Amino acid sequence: MVTGLEPREQRLLFRGKEREDSDHLHMVGVRDMDKVLLLEDPALKDMKLRAAALAVQSPYRTFIQV
């Protein structure tokens, strides 16, 4: 909720490697004060942008067709 990203949209990096959903942080060596990067999945971000662009264009297409 803090990031605004759904779990499937998140990518977690620790020590330069992407971690899987099934990985437990303590099992891969994450300790207090370690840096962990949470990134948005670029493929899903691109799909969101394309969907938003289509949503913006669709009213104009309907108007032109009428």
C-alpha atoms as a PDB file:
ATOM      1  CA  MET A   1       0.000   0.000   0.000  1.00  0.00           C
ATOM      2  CA  VAL A   2       2.900   2.353   0.664  1.00  0.00           C
ATOM      3  CA  THR A   3       4.313   2.037  -2.864  1.00  0.00           C
ATOM      4  CA  GLY A   4       1.007   1.873  -4.712  1.00  0.00           C
ATOM      5  CA  LEU A   5       2.157  -1.255  -6.550  1.00  0.00           C
ATOM      6  CA  GLU A   6       0.364  -4.561  -6.611  1.00  0.00           C
ATOM      7  CA  PRO A   7       2.494  -7.554  -5.547  1.00  0.00           C
ATOM      8  CA  ARG A   8       2.698  -8.835  -9.146  1.00  0.00           C
ATOM      9  CA  GLU A   9       4.085  -5.429 -10.236  1.00  0.00           C
ATOM     10  CA  GLN A  10       6.988  -5.499  -7.772  1.00  0.00           C
ATOM     11  CA  ARG A  11      10.540  -6.688  -8.371  1.00  0.00           C
ATOM     12  CA  LEU A  12      12.856  -7.100  -5.393  1.00  0.00           C
ATOM     13  CA  LEU A  13      16.633  -6.847  -5.777  1.00  0.00           C
ATOM     14  CA  PHE A  14      19.144  -7.831  -3.119  1.00  0.00           C
ATOM     15  CA  ARG A  15      22.900  -7.984  -3.718  1.00  0.00           C
ATOM     16  CA  GLY A  16      22.364  -7.411  -7.432  1.00  0.00           C
ATOM     17  CA  LYS A  17      20.016 -10.351  -7.947  1.00  0.00           C
ATOM     18  CA  GLU A  18      16.282 -10.410  -8.427  1.00  0.00           C
ATOM     19  CA  ARG A  19      14.558 -12.468  -5.772  1.00  0.00           C
ATOM     20  CA  GLU A  20      11.615 -14.737  -6.439  1.00  0.00           C
ATOM     21  CA  ASP A  21       8.208 -14.556  -4.753  1.00  0.00           C
ATOM     22  CA  SER A  22       8.899 -17.815  -2.964  1.00  0.00           C
ATOM     23  CA  ASP A  23      12.190 -16.577  -1.440  1.00  0.00           C
ATOM     24  CA  HIS A  24      12.116 -15.658   2.234  1.00  0.00           C
ATOM     25  CA  LEU A  25      14.264 -12.626   2.986  1.00  0.00           C
ATOM     26  CA  HIS A  26      16.027 -14.190   5.968  1.00  0.00           C
ATOM     27  CA  MET A  27      16.860 -17.261   3.864  1.00  0.00           C
ATOM     28  CA  VAL A  28      18.673 -15.202   1.198  1.00  0.00           C
ATOM     29  CA  GLY A  29      20.689 -13.328   3.830  1.00  0.00           C
ATOM     30  CA  VAL A  30      18.812 -10.060   4.396  1.00  0.00           C
ATOM     31  CA  ARG A  31      19.645  -8.626   7.797  1.00  0.00           C
ATOM     32  CA  ASP A  32      18.959  -5.380   9.652  1.00  0.00           C
ATOM     33  CA  MET A  33      20.183  -2.277   7.828  1.00  0.00           C
ATOM     34  CA  ASP A  34      20.779  -4.137   4.514  1.00  0.00           C
ATOM     35  CA  LYS A  35      19.737  -2.340   1.327  1.00  0.00           C
ATOM     36  CA  VAL A  36      16.923  -3.917  -0.646  1.00  0.00           C
ATOM     37  CA  LEU A  37      15.604  -2.339  -3.846  1.00  0.00           C
ATOM     38  CA  LEU A  38      11.932  -2.506  -4.728  1.00  0.00           C
ATOM     39  CA  LEU A  39      11.332  -1.717  -8.395  1.00  0.00           C
ATOM     40  CA  GLU A  40       8.285  -1.598 -10.617  1.00  0.00           C
ATOM     41  CA  ASP A  41       8.261  -4.337 -13.255  1.00  0.00           C
ATOM     42  CA  PRO A  42       9.167  -2.540 -16.510  1.00  0.00           C
ATOM     43  CA  ALA A  43       6.980  -4.801 -18.674  1.00  0.00           C
ATOM     44  CA  LEU A  44       3.880  -4.106 -16.592  1.00  0.00           C
ATOM     45  CA  LYS A  45       4.708  -0.396 -16.458  1.00  0.00           C
ATOM     46  CA  ASP A  46       4.849  -0.314 -20.264  1.00  0.00           C
ATOM     47  CA  MET A  47       1.501  -2.132 -20.508  1.00  0.00           C
ATOM     48  CA  LYS A  48      -0.072   0.411 -18.121  1.00  0.00           C
ATOM     49  CA  LEU A  49       1.230   3.329 -20.181  1.00  0.00           C
ATOM     50  CA  ARG A  50      -0.069   1.825 -23.426  1.00  0.00           C
ATOM     51  CA  ALA A  51      -3.488   1.163 -21.882  1.00  0.00           C
ATOM     52  CA  ALA A  52      -3.637   4.747 -20.612  1.00  0.00           C
ATOM     53  CA  ALA A  53      -2.703   6.061 -24.052  1.00  0.00           C
ATOM     54  CA  LEU A  54      -5.454   3.987 -25.677  1.00  0.00           C
ATOM     55  CA  ALA A  55      -7.982   5.209 -23.132  1.00  0.00           C
ATOM     56  CA  VAL A  56      -7.113   8.802 -23.963  1.00  0.00           C
ATOM     57  CA  GLN A  57      -7.343   8.202 -27.711  1.00  0.00           C
ATOM     58  CA  SER A  58     -10.597   6.234 -27.751  1.00  0.00           C
ATOM     59  CA  PRO A  59     -13.022   9.185 -27.290  1.00  0.00           C
ATOM     60  CA  TYR A  60     -11.505  10.926 -30.312  1.00  0.00           C
ATOM     61  CA  ARG A  61     -11.901   7.875 -32.497  1.00  0.00           C
ATOM     62  CA  THR A  62     -15.545   7.565 -31.528  1.00  0.00           C
ATOM     63  CA  PHE A  63     -16.172  11.224 -32.298  1.00  0.00           C
ATOM     64  CA  ILE A  64     -14.513  10.962 -35.719  1.00  0.00           C
ATOM     65  CA  GLN A  65     -16.498   7.845 -36.613  1.00  0.00           C
ATOM     66  CA  VAL A  66     -19.792   9.566 -35.808  1.00  0.00           C
END
